[in-house]
Protein backbone atom coordinates (compact mmCIF):
# COMPACT_ATOMS: atom_id res chain seq x y z
CA UNK A 1 6.07 3.44 14.72
CA UNK A 2 6.52 0.92 11.95
CA UNK A 3 3.62 -1.42 11.31
CA UNK A 4 1.29 -0.05 14.03
CA UNK A 5 1.46 3.49 12.64
CA UNK A 6 0.27 2.34 9.20
CA UNK A 7 -3.17 1.83 10.77
CA UNK A 8 -3.97 5.55 10.97
CA UNK A 9 -2.97 6.11 7.33
CA UNK A 10 -5.12 3.20 6.11
CA UNK A 11 -8.08 4.05 8.37
CA UNK A 12 -8.11 7.63 7.05
CA UNK A 13 -7.63 6.48 3.44
CA UNK A 14 -9.73 3.37 2.75
CA UNK A 15 -8.99 3.62 -0.98
CA UNK A 16 -5.29 3.63 -1.84
CA UNK A 17 -4.51 4.29 -5.50
CA UNK A 18 -1.60 2.12 -6.63
CA UNK A 19 0.15 4.00 -9.41
CA UNK A 20 3.10 3.37 -11.72
CA UNK A 21 4.52 6.54 -13.28
CA UNK A 22 6.61 6.73 -16.43
CA UNK A 23 9.01 9.60 -17.12
CA UNK A 24 6.51 11.30 -19.46
CA UNK A 25 3.69 11.28 -16.86
CA UNK A 26 2.76 14.22 -14.66
CA UNK A 27 2.46 13.05 -11.04
CA UNK A 28 1.20 16.51 -10.01
CA UNK A 29 -1.67 16.46 -12.52
CA UNK A 30 -2.64 12.96 -11.40
CA UNK A 31 -2.60 14.01 -7.75
CA UNK A 32 -4.86 16.96 -8.57
CA UNK A 33 -7.22 14.42 -10.19
CA UNK A 34 -7.21 12.32 -7.00
CA UNK A 35 -7.74 15.32 -4.71
CA UNK A 36 -10.77 16.36 -6.80
CA UNK A 37 -12.17 12.91 -5.94
CA UNK A 38 -11.42 13.33 -2.21
CA UNK A 39 -8.54 10.85 -2.31
CA UNK A 40 -5.55 12.08 -0.29
CA UNK A 41 -3.25 9.08 -0.41
CA UNK A 42 -1.15 7.46 -3.14
CA UNK A 43 1.12 4.43 -3.36
CA UNK A 44 3.70 4.96 -6.09
CA UNK A 45 5.31 1.72 -7.21
CA UNK A 46 9.03 1.42 -7.67
CA UNK A 47 8.49 -0.66 -10.81
CA UNK A 48 9.99 2.11 -12.92
CA UNK A 49 13.08 4.24 -12.43
CA UNK A 50 10.79 7.28 -12.21
CA UNK A 51 9.06 6.06 -9.03
CA UNK A 52 11.44 7.71 -6.57
CA UNK A 53 11.41 10.99 -8.49
CA UNK A 54 7.60 10.99 -8.55
CA UNK A 55 7.51 10.47 -4.76
CA UNK A 56 9.89 13.41 -4.29
CA UNK A 57 7.82 15.64 -6.59
CA UNK A 58 4.57 14.93 -4.77
CA UNK A 59 6.15 15.25 -1.32
CA UNK A 60 7.50 18.69 -2.29
CA UNK A 61 4.21 19.96 -3.71
CA UNK A 62 1.53 18.32 -1.55
CA UNK A 63 3.24 17.32 1.70
CA UNK A 64 0.68 19.13 3.89
CA UNK A 65 -2.39 17.52 2.34
CA UNK A 66 -1.58 13.98 1.15
CA UNK A 67 0.13 10.76 2.20
CA UNK A 68 2.74 9.67 -0.37
CA UNK A 69 3.89 6.09 -0.09
CA UNK A 70 6.05 3.71 -2.06
CA UNK A 71 5.01 0.30 -3.32
CA UNK A 72 6.88 -2.68 -4.73
CA UNK A 73 9.61 -2.21 -2.12
CA UNK A 74 11.62 -5.44 -2.23
CA UNK A 75 15.03 -4.70 -0.70
CA UNK A 76 16.56 -2.80 2.24
CA UNK A 77 18.43 -0.27 0.08
CA UNK A 78 15.08 1.01 -1.23
CA UNK A 79 13.88 1.51 2.35
CA UNK A 80 16.90 3.71 3.09
CA UNK A 81 16.30 5.80 -0.05
CA UNK A 82 12.61 6.23 0.79
CA UNK A 83 13.36 7.36 4.34
CA UNK A 84 15.83 9.94 3.00
CA UNK A 85 13.25 11.46 0.60
CA UNK A 86 10.51 11.51 3.24
CA UNK A 87 8.09 8.83 2.02
CA UNK A 88 5.07 8.67 4.33
CA UNK A 89 4.72 4.89 4.14
CA UNK A 90 6.23 1.79 2.53
CA UNK A 91 4.41 -1.16 0.97
CA UNK A 92 6.09 -4.43 0.07
CA UNK A 93 4.62 -7.31 -1.97
CA UNK A 94 6.22 -9.80 0.43
CA UNK A 95 8.13 -10.14 3.66
CA UNK A 96 11.58 -11.35 4.68
CA UNK A 97 13.27 -10.99 8.04
CA UNK A 98 15.94 -8.67 6.54
CA UNK A 99 13.33 -6.42 4.93
CA UNK A 100 11.25 -6.42 8.13
CA UNK A 101 14.23 -5.41 10.26
CA UNK A 102 15.16 -2.61 7.88
CA UNK A 103 11.57 -1.30 7.75
CA UNK A 104 11.33 -1.37 11.56
CA UNK A 105 14.64 0.46 11.89
CA UNK A 106 13.53 3.13 9.38
CA UNK A 107 10.54 4.07 11.59
CA UNK A 108 8.54 4.75 8.39
CA UNK A 109 5.04 3.21 8.58
CA UNK A 110 5.04 0.02 6.53
CA UNK A 111 2.72 -2.62 5.16
CA UNK A 112 4.29 -5.95 4.16
CA UNK A 113 2.56 -8.32 1.76
CA UNK A 114 1.34 -11.87 2.41
CA UNK A 115 -0.64 -14.39 0.38
CA UNK A 116 -0.75 -17.61 2.41
CA UNK A 117 -1.54 -18.74 5.97
CA UNK A 118 2.14 -19.59 6.57
CA UNK A 119 3.17 -16.06 5.60
CA UNK A 120 0.48 -14.59 7.87
CA UNK A 121 1.72 -16.74 10.77
CA UNK A 122 5.30 -15.60 10.14
CA UNK A 123 4.12 -11.96 10.13
CA UNK A 124 2.23 -12.54 13.40
CA UNK A 125 5.36 -14.03 14.96
CA UNK A 126 7.18 -10.80 14.04
CA UNK A 127 4.45 -8.84 15.86
CA UNK A 128 2.72 -7.48 12.75
CA UNK A 129 -1.00 -6.70 12.78
CA UNK A 130 -1.50 -4.92 9.44
CA UNK A 131 -0.74 -6.74 6.20
CA UNK A 132 -1.18 -6.31 2.48
CA UNK A 133 -3.01 -9.30 0.96
CA UNK A 134 -1.41 -9.63 -2.47
CA UNK A 135 -2.22 -10.54 -5.17
CA UNK A 136 -5.75 -10.71 -3.80
CA UNK A 137 -7.44 -11.82 -7.02
CA UNK A 138 -5.06 -14.77 -7.51
CA UNK A 139 -5.19 -15.97 -3.89
CA UNK A 140 -8.92 -16.23 -3.28
CA UNK A 141 -10.08 -12.63 -2.95
CA UNK A 142 -13.03 -11.94 -0.66
CA UNK A 143 -13.52 -15.65 0.13
CA UNK A 144 -9.94 -16.05 1.33
CA UNK A 145 -10.17 -12.94 3.50
CA UNK A 146 -13.40 -14.21 5.09
CA UNK A 147 -11.59 -17.44 6.00
CA UNK A 148 -8.53 -15.53 7.28
CA UNK A 149 -10.89 -13.54 9.53
CA UNK A 150 -11.71 -16.72 11.45
CA UNK A 151 -8.13 -18.01 11.47
CA UNK A 152 -6.39 -14.72 12.29
CA UNK A 153 -8.88 -12.50 14.17
CA UNK A 154 -6.28 -9.88 15.20
CA UNK A 155 -4.94 -9.26 11.67
CA UNK A 156 -6.23 -6.43 9.47
CA UNK A 157 -5.64 -6.46 5.73
CA UNK A 158 -5.27 -4.09 2.82
CA UNK A 159 -5.98 -6.30 -0.20
CA UNK A 160 -4.42 -5.27 -3.51
CA UNK A 161 -4.16 -6.91 -6.91
CA UNK A 162 -6.93 -7.33 -9.46
CA UNK A 163 -9.43 -5.27 -7.46
CA UNK A 164 -11.76 -3.02 -9.43
CA UNK A 165 -13.70 0.06 -8.39
CA UNK A 166 -16.81 -2.15 -8.28
CA UNK A 167 -15.32 -5.01 -6.23
CA UNK A 168 -13.54 -2.67 -3.81
CA UNK A 169 -16.77 -2.24 -1.83
CA UNK A 170 -17.09 -6.02 -1.32
CA UNK A 171 -13.65 -6.03 0.26
CA UNK A 172 -14.26 -2.94 2.40
CA UNK A 173 -17.43 -4.56 3.80
CA UNK A 174 -15.27 -7.22 5.51
CA UNK A 175 -14.43 -6.67 9.20
CA UNK A 176 -10.76 -7.56 8.69
CA UNK A 177 -10.21 -5.16 5.77
CA UNK A 178 -9.11 -1.65 6.72
CA UNK A 179 -8.36 -0.34 3.20
CA UNK A 180 -8.11 -1.49 -0.41
CA UNK A 181 -5.37 -0.77 -2.92
CA UNK A 182 -6.14 -0.51 -6.60
CA UNK A 183 -4.91 0.63 -9.97
CA UNK A 184 -8.34 1.58 -11.32
CA UNK A 185 -7.77 5.25 -10.50
CA UNK A 186 -4.88 5.40 -12.97
CA UNK A 187 -6.83 3.37 -15.56
CA UNK A 188 -9.79 5.78 -15.29
CA UNK A 189 -7.47 8.78 -15.49
CA UNK A 190 -5.73 7.45 -18.60
CA UNK A 191 -9.06 6.90 -20.38
CA UNK A 192 -10.64 10.26 -19.55
């Protein structure tokens, strides 16, 4: 379980929409929009108070067809809440030993974030193989991931942060990238 089981979710969903819902938004309508585009995975950030409610709503309506995860998870109490509402996966922008231990104990698939070689080494020492590279655009993007491929050949990444629909393909072409997270789906939806 834990970090190894995130691989199947990412492999089956190479594009992971990263979405922040406000109270007035309709998570169900947005999920319909994604499904029409053959996207069956969503990472709902906990940047707003409505994040947990949106995860619950989508789990209740679409649990058989989609993977509903939580992003911006930064403390152990959030992990416990997410396990209790049935989140399919957890994404964190960073990694601490406390958060790691709580995510492992939860048995929910998880993807912790890293940005530097030291953080990647720490994650490796904890036995992690799948990491979020965040914020990708501020920490070297495709070039950094190419270099990490040589330094850390057993690590697979899901870069997120400043990635557009156009640049997502450059990332996915890299051997050490299993999926890409992006907010362009919500931007496109809000401008339609």
